[in-house]
Amino acid sequence: MTAVQGFPGALRAELLKTAKRASPWVLLGIALAILVGLSYALTWLIYTHPPPGTQLPRGASPAQLKQGLYPVGFVQATLSNGLPGVLALILGVLLVGSEFSWGTLKTLFTQRPGRLETLAAKILALAVAVGVGVVAMFAMAAACSVVLAAIDGNTLGDWPSAATIVKGMLSAWLIWGWWALFGAGLSVIFRQAALAIGLGLAYSLVIEGLVFGIVGSLGGSFFENFRKFFPGPNASALQQTFAVTAAGRQAGGQAAQGGSIGAPEAAIVLGLYCAAAMVVCGLLLRARDVT
């Protein structure tokens, strides 16, 4: 009974602590600034005033490419921004790993519910923080798309369906949530924030980015099947289901079907990775001596 009564209090404390910390808001501000400055403003400038020597995709004009910057493409524009995943990883490390650096975990475990209940409160607070980021990113992308469409004299009535927007937000929550849990898991494994951030960024940039990029360029069924077991390619496949064609139409499931990973398969794999990260955190936090 004590644990049941104590868990809501632990959750409220974690939510309050997360809201009062500066780091989540700084990370959110960086993500929004990159979305506005790079994904929209800079891209619009390049399409509107192409620099000399710019080579556009064959058969596509700048006006057609700008369709992805209008309201019809704001879901894909939000999901295609890769920075929030990295920032979510850092957020997960800071919200969980900082307790190791500060030496406050032993105090939490003596004054609150059991270790697993305390971990559950932290994970739920992390999920809420990621959810707030998802809503903020989608709202900002929608606002930017309206502004650019109005500047170009484009129609403002062509929006994705409500179902597409909801699916896009849930996909973003799943993808960014995985990266946040990955960061939290690394911080529990190494019991510190600095090493967890370093290794997490190394994996994201080197393994998921560089190595898989080189492997993907080689082709072959073995490498293609090998990539299916990692979160990065599955996240990319899920993002591509919301791609917008040059004509401004929602591609829907065609992008995922055209690749080697389907959207349902990608969602399942990412969900399994999220579950695995939580299990690892729970097992290690319960078995280890944190004093």
C-alpha atoms as a PDB file:
ATOM      1  CA  MET A   1       0.000   0.000   0.000  1.00  0.00           C
ATOM      2  CA  THR A   2       2.861   2.366   0.771  1.00  0.00           C
ATOM      3  CA  ALA A   3       4.381   1.898  -2.680  1.00  0.00           C
ATOM      4  CA  VAL A   4       1.019   2.519  -4.336  1.00  0.00           C
ATOM      5  CA  GLN A   5       0.537   5.712  -2.339  1.00  0.00           C
ATOM      6  CA  GLY A   6       4.139   6.784  -2.810  1.00  0.00           C
ATOM      7  CA  PHE A   7       4.424   6.349  -6.563  1.00  0.00           C
ATOM      8  CA  PRO A   8       2.118   9.283  -7.488  1.00  0.00           C
ATOM      9  CA  GLY A   9       4.146  11.499  -5.196  1.00  0.00           C
ATOM     10  CA  ALA A  10       7.382  10.330  -6.783  1.00  0.00           C
ATOM     11  CA  LEU A  11       5.947  11.008 -10.233  1.00  0.00           C
ATOM     12  CA  ARG A  12       4.825  14.501  -9.257  1.00  0.00           C
ATOM     13  CA  ALA A  13       8.268  15.196  -7.839  1.00  0.00           C
ATOM     14  CA  GLU A  14       9.987  14.020 -11.030  1.00  0.00           C
ATOM     15  CA  LEU A  15       7.664  16.095 -13.205  1.00  0.00           C
ATOM     16  CA  LEU A  16       8.226  19.174 -11.046  1.00  0.00           C
ATOM     17  CA  LYS A  17      11.975  18.627 -11.039  1.00  0.00           C
ATOM     18  CA  THR A  18      12.021  18.216 -14.823  1.00  0.00           C
ATOM     19  CA  ALA A  19       9.944  21.353 -15.358  1.00  0.00           C
ATOM     20  CA  LYS A  20      12.172  23.452 -13.101  1.00  0.00           C
ATOM     21  CA  ARG A  21      15.469  22.308 -14.612  1.00  0.00           C
ATOM     22  CA  ALA A  22      16.941  24.546 -17.282  1.00  0.00           C
ATOM     23  CA  SER A  23      18.433  21.808 -19.459  1.00  0.00           C
ATOM     24  CA  PRO A  24      15.151  20.438 -20.919  1.00  0.00           C
ATOM     25  CA  TRP A  25      14.072  23.924 -21.960  1.00  0.00           C
ATOM     26  CA  VAL A  26      17.489  24.726 -23.418  1.00  0.00           C
ATOM     27  CA  LEU A  27      17.426  21.519 -25.474  1.00  0.00           C
ATOM     28  CA  LEU A  28      13.894  22.289 -26.661  1.00  0.00           C
ATOM     29  CA  GLY A  29      14.944  25.807 -27.636  1.00  0.00           C
ATOM     30  CA  ILE A  30      17.866  24.436 -29.652  1.00  0.00           C
ATOM     31  CA  ALA A  31      15.594  21.969 -31.438  1.00  0.00           C
ATOM     32  CA  LEU A  32      13.076  24.689 -32.310  1.00  0.00           C
ATOM     33  CA  ALA A  33      15.808  27.056 -33.497  1.00  0.00           C
ATOM     34  CA  ILE A  34      17.275  24.401 -35.804  1.00  0.00           C
ATOM     35  CA  LEU A  35      13.818  23.558 -37.135  1.00  0.00           C
ATOM     36  CA  VAL A  36      13.054  27.192 -37.960  1.00  0.00           C
ATOM     37  CA  GLY A  37      16.511  28.224 -39.103  1.00  0.00           C
ATOM     38  CA  LEU A  38      17.625  25.215 -41.128  1.00  0.00           C
ATOM     39  CA  SER A  39      14.634  23.047 -41.983  1.00  0.00           C
ATOM     40  CA  TYR A  40      12.505  26.006 -43.051  1.00  0.00           C
ATOM     41  CA  ALA A  41      14.256  29.380 -43.424  1.00  0.00           C
ATOM     42  CA  LEU A  42      17.506  28.234 -45.027  1.00  0.00           C
ATOM     43  CA  THR A  43      15.810  25.620 -47.215  1.00  0.00           C
ATOM     44  CA  TRP A  44      13.263  28.181 -48.403  1.00  0.00           C
ATOM     45  CA  LEU A  45      16.021  30.666 -49.250  1.00  0.00           C
ATOM     46  CA  ILE A  46      17.922  28.053 -51.266  1.00  0.00           C
ATOM     47  CA  TYR A  47      14.816  27.015 -53.199  1.00  0.00           C
ATOM     48  CA  THR A  48      13.722  30.628 -53.745  1.00  0.00           C
ATOM     49  CA  HIS A  49      17.152  31.981 -54.690  1.00  0.00           C
ATOM     50  CA  PRO A  50      19.240  28.971 -55.786  1.00  0.00           C
ATOM     51  CA  PRO A  51      22.985  29.704 -55.584  1.00  0.00           C
ATOM     52  CA  PRO A  52      24.901  29.479 -58.874  1.00  0.00           C
ATOM     53  CA  GLY A  53      25.626  25.892 -59.790  1.00  0.00           C
ATOM     54  CA  THR A  54      22.870  24.410 -57.634  1.00  0.00           C
ATOM     55  CA  GLN A  55      21.759  21.039 -59.003  1.00  0.00           C
ATOM     56  CA  LEU A  56      18.178  20.132 -58.226  1.00  0.00           C
ATOM     57  CA  PRO A  57      16.758  16.602 -58.455  1.00  0.00           C
ATOM     58  CA  ARG A  58      16.014  15.625 -62.043  1.00  0.00           C
ATOM     59  CA  GLY A  59      12.546  16.643 -63.141  1.00  0.00           C
ATOM     60  CA  ALA A  60      11.885  18.793 -60.066  1.00  0.00           C
ATOM     61  CA  SER A  61      11.650  22.568 -60.034  1.00  0.00           C
ATOM     62  CA  PRO A  62      12.239  24.793 -56.989  1.00  0.00           C
ATOM     63  CA  ALA A  63       8.496  25.475 -56.834  1.00  0.00           C
ATOM     64  CA  GLN A  64       7.777  21.747 -56.662  1.00  0.00           C
ATOM     65  CA  LEU A  65      10.406  21.152 -54.000  1.00  0.00           C
ATOM     66  CA  LYS A  66       8.973  23.974 -51.904  1.00  0.00           C
ATOM     67  CA  GLN A  67       5.742  22.003 -51.554  1.00  0.00           C
ATOM     68  CA  GLY A  68       7.421  20.159 -48.700  1.00  0.00           C
ATOM     69  CA  LEU A  69       7.759  23.468 -46.838  1.00  0.00           C
ATOM     70  CA  TYR A  70       4.041  24.212 -47.014  1.00  0.00           C
ATOM     71  CA  PRO A  71       1.323  22.919 -44.655  1.00  0.00           C
ATOM     72  CA  VAL A  72       0.883  19.697 -46.632  1.00  0.00           C
ATOM     73  CA  GLY A  73       4.438  18.679 -45.763  1.00  0.00           C
ATOM     74  CA  PHE A  74       4.909  19.946 -42.215  1.00  0.00           C
ATOM     75  CA  VAL A  75       4.665  16.444 -40.694  1.00  0.00           C
ATOM     76  CA  GLN A  76       7.521  15.143 -42.826  1.00  0.00           C
ATOM     77  CA  ALA A  77       9.520  18.341 -42.263  1.00  0.00           C
ATOM     78  CA  THR A  78       9.318  17.783 -38.518  1.00  0.00           C
ATOM     79  CA  LEU A  79      10.195  14.097 -38.641  1.00  0.00           C
ATOM     80  CA  SER A  80      13.041  14.485 -41.125  1.00  0.00           C
ATOM     81  CA  ASN A  81      14.901  16.772 -38.721  1.00  0.00           C
ATOM     82  CA  GLY A  82      17.451  14.423 -37.183  1.00  0.00           C
ATOM     83  CA  LEU A  83      18.617  16.724 -34.384  1.00  0.00           C
ATOM     84  CA  PRO A  84      15.726  16.101 -31.944  1.00  0.00           C
ATOM     85  CA  GLY A  85      16.788  12.468 -31.642  1.00  0.00           C
ATOM     86  CA  VAL A  86      20.270  13.489 -30.542  1.00  0.00           C
ATOM     87  CA  LEU A  87      18.859  16.083 -28.153  1.00  0.00           C
ATOM     88  CA  ALA A  88      16.430  13.503 -26.747  1.00  0.00           C
ATOM     89  CA  LEU A  89      19.392  11.224 -26.059  1.00  0.00           C
ATOM     90  CA  ILE A  90      21.091  14.022 -24.121  1.00  0.00           C
ATOM     91  CA  LEU A  91      17.836  14.715 -22.274  1.00  0.00           C
ATOM     92  CA  GLY A  92      17.532  11.080 -21.209  1.00  0.00           C
ATOM     93  CA  VAL A  93      21.096  11.083 -19.932  1.00  0.00           C
ATOM     94  CA  LEU A  94      20.657  14.313 -17.980  1.00  0.00           C
ATOM     95  CA  LEU A  95      17.338  13.417 -16.364  1.00  0.00           C
ATOM     96  CA  VAL A  96      18.551  10.005 -15.184  1.00  0.00           C
ATOM     97  CA  GLY A  97      22.346  10.108 -15.161  1.00  0.00           C
ATOM     98  CA  SER A  98      22.620  13.364 -13.222  1.00  0.00           C
ATOM     99  CA  GLU A  99      21.362  11.541 -10.128  1.00  0.00           C
ATOM    100  CA  PHE A 100      24.488   9.371 -10.233  1.00  0.00           C
ATOM    101  CA  SER A 101      26.798  12.374 -10.590  1.00  0.00           C
ATOM    102  CA  TRP A 102      25.070  14.230  -7.757  1.00  0.00           C
ATOM    103  CA  GLY A 103      24.983  11.175  -5.495  1.00  0.00           C
ATOM    104  CA  THR A 104      21.277  11.684  -4.781  1.00  0.00           C
ATOM    105  CA  LEU A 105      19.976   8.258  -5.818  1.00  0.00           C
ATOM    106  CA  LYS A 106      20.540   6.745  -2.381  1.00  0.00           C
ATOM    107  CA  THR A 107      18.474   9.556  -0.875  1.00  0.00           C
ATOM    108  CA  LEU A 108      15.680   8.924  -3.368  1.00  0.00           C
ATOM    109  CA  PHE A 109      15.663   5.221  -2.601  1.00  0.00           C
ATOM    110  CA  THR A 110      15.392   5.801   1.151  1.00  0.00           C
ATOM    111  CA  GLN A 111      12.661   8.459   1.057  1.00  0.00           C
ATOM    112  CA  ARG A 112      10.518   7.244  -1.822  1.00  0.00           C
ATOM    113  CA  PRO A 113       9.018   3.960  -3.074  1.00  0.00           C
ATOM    114  CA  GLY A 114      11.226   1.088  -4.173  1.00  0.00           C
ATOM    115  CA  ARG A 115      13.879   1.354  -6.832  1.00  0.00           C
ATOM    116  CA  LEU A 116      11.669   0.160  -9.673  1.00  0.00           C
ATOM    117  CA  GLU A 117       8.890   2.571  -8.714  1.00  0.00           C
ATOM    118  CA  THR A 118      11.380   5.430  -8.631  1.00  0.00           C
ATOM    119  CA  LEU A 119      12.724   4.398 -12.039  1.00  0.00           C
ATOM    120  CA  ALA A 120       9.175   4.178 -13.408  1.00  0.00           C
ATOM    121  CA  ALA A 121       8.498   7.731 -12.204  1.00  0.00           C
ATOM    122  CA  LYS A 122      11.649   8.961 -13.931  1.00  0.00           C
ATOM    123  CA  ILE A 123      10.763   7.180 -17.184  1.00  0.00           C
ATOM    124  CA  LEU A 124       7.221   8.560 -17.162  1.00  0.00           C
ATOM    125  CA  ALA A 125       8.552  12.066 -16.534  1.00  0.00           C
ATOM    126  CA  LEU A 126      10.971  11.559 -19.418  1.00  0.00           C
ATOM    127  CA  ALA A 127       8.103  10.390 -21.650  1.00  0.00           C
ATOM    128  CA  VAL A 128       6.104  13.493 -20.735  1.00  0.00           C
ATOM    129  CA  ALA A 129       9.087  15.726 -21.497  1.00  0.00           C
ATOM    130  CA  VAL A 130       9.513  14.097 -24.908  1.00  0.00           C
ATOM    131  CA  GLY A 131       5.777  14.475 -25.530  1.00  0.00           C
ATOM    132  CA  VAL A 132       5.958  18.200 -24.776  1.00  0.00           C
ATOM    133  CA  GLY A 133       8.827  18.459 -27.239  1.00  0.00           C
ATOM    134  CA  VAL A 134       6.814  16.644 -29.907  1.00  0.00           C
ATOM    135  CA  VAL A 135       3.852  19.004 -29.519  1.00  0.00           C
ATOM    136  CA  ALA A 136       6.114  22.070 -29.573  1.00  0.00           C
ATOM    137  CA  MET A 137       8.006  20.893 -32.666  1.00  0.00           C
ATOM    138  CA  PHE A 138       4.850  20.094 -34.618  1.00  0.00           C
ATOM    139  CA  ALA A 139       3.229  23.384 -33.630  1.00  0.00           C
ATOM    140  CA  MET A 140       6.308  25.340 -34.700  1.00  0.00           C
ATOM    141  CA  ALA A 141       6.558  23.438 -37.990  1.00  0.00           C
ATOM    142  CA  ALA A 142       2.891  24.112 -38.728  1.00  0.00           C
ATOM    143  CA  ALA A 143       3.360  27.829 -38.003  1.00  0.00           C
ATOM    144  CA  CYS A 144       6.457  28.036 -40.221  1.00  0.00           C
ATOM    145  CA  SER A 145       4.692  26.243 -43.063  1.00  0.00           C
ATOM    146  CA  VAL A 146       1.783  28.692 -42.898  1.00  0.00           C
ATOM    147  CA  VAL A 147       4.133  31.700 -42.951  1.00  0.00           C
ATOM    148  CA  LEU A 148       6.113  30.432 -45.957  1.00  0.00           C
ATOM    149  CA  ALA A 149       2.968  29.458 -47.849  1.00  0.00           C
ATOM    150  CA  ALA A 150       1.532  32.931 -47.258  1.00  0.00           C
ATOM    151  CA  ILE A 151       4.769  34.575 -48.435  1.00  0.00           C
ATOM    152  CA  ASP A 152       4.734  32.535 -51.650  1.00  0.00           C
ATOM    153  CA  GLY A 153       1.017  33.052 -52.201  1.00  0.00           C
ATOM    154  CA  ASN A 154       0.343  29.329 -51.889  1.00  0.00           C
ATOM    155  CA  THR A 155      -2.976  27.954 -50.733  1.00  0.00           C
ATOM    156  CA  LEU A 156      -3.302  27.412 -46.996  1.00  0.00           C
ATOM    157  CA  GLY A 157      -6.111  24.894 -47.253  1.00  0.00           C
ATOM    158  CA  ASP A 158      -4.047  21.856 -48.216  1.00  0.00           C
ATOM    159  CA  TRP A 159      -3.199  20.160 -44.921  1.00  0.00           C
ATOM    160  CA  PRO A 160      -2.476  16.550 -43.992  1.00  0.00           C
ATOM    161  CA  SER A 161      -5.437  14.685 -42.581  1.00  0.00           C
ATOM    162  CA  ALA A 162      -5.973  14.662 -38.837  1.00  0.00           C
ATOM    163  CA  ALA A 163      -5.120  10.959 -38.798  1.00  0.00           C
ATOM    164  CA  THR A 164      -1.810  11.653 -40.547  1.00  0.00           C
ATOM    165  CA  ILE A 165      -0.920  14.380 -38.057  1.00  0.00           C
ATOM    166  CA  VAL A 166      -1.725  12.136 -35.087  1.00  0.00           C
ATOM    167  CA  LYS A 167       0.264   9.250 -36.580  1.00  0.00           C
ATOM    168  CA  GLY A 168       3.157  11.599 -37.246  1.00  0.00           C
ATOM    169  CA  MET A 169       3.169  12.851 -33.669  1.00  0.00           C
ATOM    170  CA  LEU A 170       3.004   9.315 -32.289  1.00  0.00           C
ATOM    171  CA  SER A 171       5.842   8.293 -34.615  1.00  0.00           C
ATOM    172  CA  ALA A 172       7.950  11.228 -33.429  1.00  0.00           C
ATOM    173  CA  TRP A 173       7.180  10.342 -29.809  1.00  0.00           C
ATOM    174  CA  LEU A 174       8.261   6.740 -30.440  1.00  0.00           C
ATOM    175  CA  ILE A 175      11.454   7.664 -32.316  1.00  0.00           C
ATOM    176  CA  TRP A 176      12.586  10.431 -29.987  1.00  0.00           C
ATOM    177  CA  GLY A 177      11.407   8.413 -26.996  1.00  0.00           C
ATOM    178  CA  TRP A 178      13.698   5.580 -28.021  1.00  0.00           C
ATOM    179  CA  TRP A 179      16.683   7.927 -28.152  1.00  0.00           C
ATOM    180  CA  ALA A 180      15.770   9.338 -24.744  1.00  0.00           C
ATOM    181  CA  LEU A 181      15.528   5.831 -23.267  1.00  0.00           C
ATOM    182  CA  PHE A 182      18.801   4.911 -24.951  1.00  0.00           C
ATOM    183  CA  GLY A 183      20.461   7.826 -23.183  1.00  0.00           C
ATOM    184  CA  ALA A 184      18.835   6.867 -19.894  1.00  0.00           C
ATOM    185  CA  GLY A 185      20.017   3.278 -20.320  1.00  0.00           C
ATOM    186  CA  LEU A 186      23.590   4.346 -21.013  1.00  0.00           C
ATOM    187  CA  SER A 187      23.605   6.567 -17.944  1.00  0.00           C
ATOM    188  CA  VAL A 188      22.432   3.660 -15.777  1.00  0.00           C
ATOM    189  CA  ILE A 189      25.002   1.291 -17.303  1.00  0.00           C
ATOM    190  CA  PHE A 190      27.943   3.643 -16.757  1.00  0.00           C
ATOM    191  CA  ARG A 191      26.490   5.432 -13.706  1.00  0.00           C
ATOM    192  CA  GLN A 192      27.479   8.848 -14.984  1.00  0.00           C
ATOM    193  CA  ALA A 193      26.304  11.415 -17.515  1.00  0.00           C
ATOM    194  CA  ALA A 194      29.481  12.451 -19.343  1.00  0.00           C
ATOM    195  CA  LEU A 195      30.492   9.022 -20.649  1.00  0.00           C
ATOM    196  CA  ALA A 196      26.890   8.175 -21.508  1.00  0.00           C
ATOM    197  CA  ILE A 197      26.521  11.309 -23.647  1.00  0.00           C
ATOM    198  CA  GLY A 198      29.844  10.685 -25.376  1.00  0.00           C
ATOM    199  CA  LEU A 199      29.119   7.064 -26.237  1.00  0.00           C
ATOM    200  CA  GLY A 200      25.545   7.852 -27.217  1.00  0.00           C
ATOM    201  CA  LEU A 201      26.640  10.560 -29.641  1.00  0.00           C
ATOM    202  CA  ALA A 202      29.382   8.299 -30.992  1.00  0.00           C
ATOM    203  CA  TYR A 203      26.863   5.560 -31.696  1.00  0.00           C
ATOM    204  CA  SER A 204      24.385   7.980 -33.266  1.00  0.00           C
ATOM    205  CA  LEU A 205      26.901   9.738 -35.511  1.00  0.00           C
ATOM    206  CA  VAL A 206      29.448   7.006 -36.252  1.00  0.00           C
ATOM    207  CA  ILE A 207      27.522   3.724 -36.219  1.00  0.00           C
ATOM    208  CA  GLU A 208      24.056   4.864 -37.290  1.00  0.00           C
ATOM    209  CA  GLY A 209      25.322   7.630 -39.554  1.00  0.00           C
ATOM    210  CA  LEU A 210      28.712   6.886 -41.041  1.00  0.00           C
ATOM    211  CA  VAL A 211      29.003   3.088 -40.920  1.00  0.00           C
ATOM    212  CA  PHE A 212      25.451   2.341 -42.019  1.00  0.00           C
ATOM    213  CA  GLY A 213      25.758   4.994 -44.713  1.00  0.00           C
ATOM    214  CA  ILE A 214      28.810   3.261 -46.143  1.00  0.00           C
ATOM    215  CA  VAL A 215      27.243  -0.190 -45.782  1.00  0.00           C
ATOM    216  CA  GLY A 216      24.059   1.013 -47.445  1.00  0.00           C
ATOM    217  CA  SER A 217      25.988   2.325 -50.444  1.00  0.00           C
ATOM    218  CA  LEU A 218      27.535  -1.121 -50.976  1.00  0.00           C
ATOM    219  CA  GLY A 219      24.167  -2.782 -51.459  1.00  0.00           C
ATOM    220  CA  GLY A 220      23.565  -6.487 -51.115  1.00  0.00           C
ATOM    221  CA  SER A 221      20.841  -8.410 -49.330  1.00  0.00           C
ATOM    222  CA  PHE A 222      23.029  -9.371 -46.361  1.00  0.00           C
ATOM    223  CA  PHE A 223      23.820  -5.781 -45.366  1.00  0.00           C
ATOM    224  CA  GLU A 224      20.244  -4.719 -46.042  1.00  0.00           C
ATOM    225  CA  ASN A 225      18.864  -7.447 -43.770  1.00  0.00           C
ATOM    226  CA  PHE A 226      21.536  -6.683 -41.164  1.00  0.00           C
ATOM    227  CA  ARG A 227      20.436  -3.045 -40.958  1.00  0.00           C
ATOM    228  CA  LYS A 228      16.856  -4.060 -40.178  1.00  0.00           C
ATOM    229  CA  PHE A 229      17.825  -5.009 -36.646  1.00  0.00           C
ATOM    230  CA  PHE A 230      19.044  -1.527 -35.673  1.00  0.00           C
ATOM    231  CA  PRO A 231      16.891   1.407 -34.536  1.00  0.00           C
ATOM    232  CA  GLY A 232      18.245   4.018 -36.962  1.00  0.00           C
ATOM    233  CA  PRO A 233      17.102   2.395 -40.228  1.00  0.00           C
ATOM    234  CA  ASN A 234      13.737   1.569 -38.661  1.00  0.00           C
ATOM    235  CA  ALA A 235      13.305   5.168 -37.535  1.00  0.00           C
ATOM    236  CA  SER A 236      14.123   6.353 -41.067  1.00  0.00           C
ATOM    237  CA  ALA A 237      11.605   3.921 -42.543  1.00  0.00           C
ATOM    238  CA  LEU A 238       8.924   5.199 -40.184  1.00  0.00           C
ATOM    239  CA  GLN A 239       9.728   8.799 -41.097  1.00  0.00           C
ATOM    240  CA  GLN A 240       9.499   8.099 -44.825  1.00  0.00           C
ATOM    241  CA  THR A 241       5.871   7.021 -44.548  1.00  0.00           C
ATOM    242  CA  PHE A 242       5.031  10.722 -44.215  1.00  0.00           C
ATOM    243  CA  ALA A 243       7.076  11.890 -47.208  1.00  0.00           C
ATOM    244  CA  VAL A 244       5.545  14.409 -49.584  1.00  0.00           C
ATOM    245  CA  THR A 245       6.004  14.083 -53.344  1.00  0.00           C
ATOM    246  CA  ALA A 246       7.253  16.921 -55.516  1.00  0.00           C
ATOM    247  CA  ALA A 247       3.671  17.518 -56.566  1.00  0.00           C
ATOM    248  CA  GLY A 248       2.685  18.168 -52.979  1.00  0.00           C
ATOM    249  CA  ARG A 249       0.863  14.890 -52.336  1.00  0.00           C
ATOM    250  CA  GLN A 250       1.252  12.811 -49.220  1.00  0.00           C
ATOM    251  CA  ALA A 251       3.162   9.671 -50.150  1.00  0.00           C
ATOM    252  CA  GLY A 252       1.580   7.680 -47.345  1.00  0.00           C
ATOM    253  CA  GLY A 253       2.808   4.143 -47.043  1.00  0.00           C
ATOM    254  CA  GLN A 254       4.419   4.136 -50.492  1.00  0.00           C
ATOM    255  CA  ALA A 255       7.787   5.245 -49.186  1.00  0.00           C
ATOM    256  CA  ALA A 256       7.995   2.506 -46.628  1.00  0.00           C
ATOM    257  CA  GLN A 257       6.699  -0.107 -49.056  1.00  0.00           C
ATOM    258  CA  GLY A 258       9.268   0.913 -51.610  1.00  0.00           C
ATOM    259  CA  GLY A 259      12.060   0.274 -49.134  1.00  0.00           C
ATOM    260  CA  SER A 260      13.021  -2.860 -47.284  1.00  0.00           C
ATOM    261  CA  ILE A 261      11.373  -1.973 -43.948  1.00  0.00           C
ATOM    262  CA  GLY A 262       7.638  -1.451 -43.595  1.00  0.00           C
ATOM    263  CA  ALA A 263       6.125   1.070 -41.203  1.00  0.00           C
ATOM    264  CA  PRO A 264       4.478  -1.530 -38.898  1.00  0.00           C
ATOM    265  CA  GLU A 265       7.705  -3.507 -38.727  1.00  0.00           C
ATOM    266  CA  ALA A 266       9.673  -0.353 -37.941  1.00  0.00           C
ATOM    267  CA  ALA A 267       7.274   0.634 -35.153  1.00  0.00           C
ATOM    268  CA  ILE A 268       7.481  -2.837 -33.609  1.00  0.00           C
ATOM    269  CA  VAL A 269      11.282  -2.865 -33.682  1.00  0.00           C
ATOM    270  CA  LEU A 270      11.493   0.585 -32.081  1.00  0.00           C
ATOM    271  CA  GLY A 271       8.955  -0.447 -29.457  1.00  0.00           C
ATOM    272  CA  LEU A 272      11.034  -3.518 -28.622  1.00  0.00           C
ATOM    273  CA  TYR A 273      14.140  -1.365 -28.278  1.00  0.00           C
ATOM    274  CA  CYS A 274      12.267   0.949 -25.895  1.00  0.00           C
ATOM    275  CA  ALA A 275      11.121  -2.023 -23.825  1.00  0.00           C
ATOM    276  CA  ALA A 276      14.645  -3.469 -23.785  1.00  0.00           C
ATOM    277  CA  ALA A 277      16.096  -0.166 -22.575  1.00  0.00           C
ATOM    278  CA  MET A 278      13.603  -0.018 -19.705  1.00  0.00           C
ATOM    279  CA  VAL A 279      14.291  -3.640 -18.733  1.00  0.00           C
ATOM    280  CA  VAL A 280      18.051  -3.046 -18.695  1.00  0.00           C
ATOM    281  CA  CYS A 281      17.597   0.060 -16.547  1.00  0.00           C
ATOM    282  CA  GLY A 282      15.367  -1.824 -14.132  1.00  0.00           C
ATOM    283  CA  LEU A 283      17.635  -4.855 -13.787  1.00  0.00           C
ATOM    284  CA  LEU A 284      20.796  -2.834 -13.243  1.00  0.00           C
ATOM    285  CA  LEU A 285      19.252  -0.279 -10.921  1.00  0.00           C
ATOM    286  CA  ARG A 286      17.680  -2.978  -8.784  1.00  0.00           C
ATOM    287  CA  ALA A 287      20.783  -5.165  -8.510  1.00  0.00           C
ATOM    288  CA  ARG A 288      23.525  -2.569  -8.095  1.00  0.00           C
ATOM    289  CA  ASP A 289      24.751  -0.845  -4.983  1.00  0.00           C
ATOM    290  CA  VAL A 290      24.311   2.879  -5.574  1.00  0.00           C
ATOM    291  CA  THR A 291      25.806   3.984  -2.284  1.00  0.00           C
END
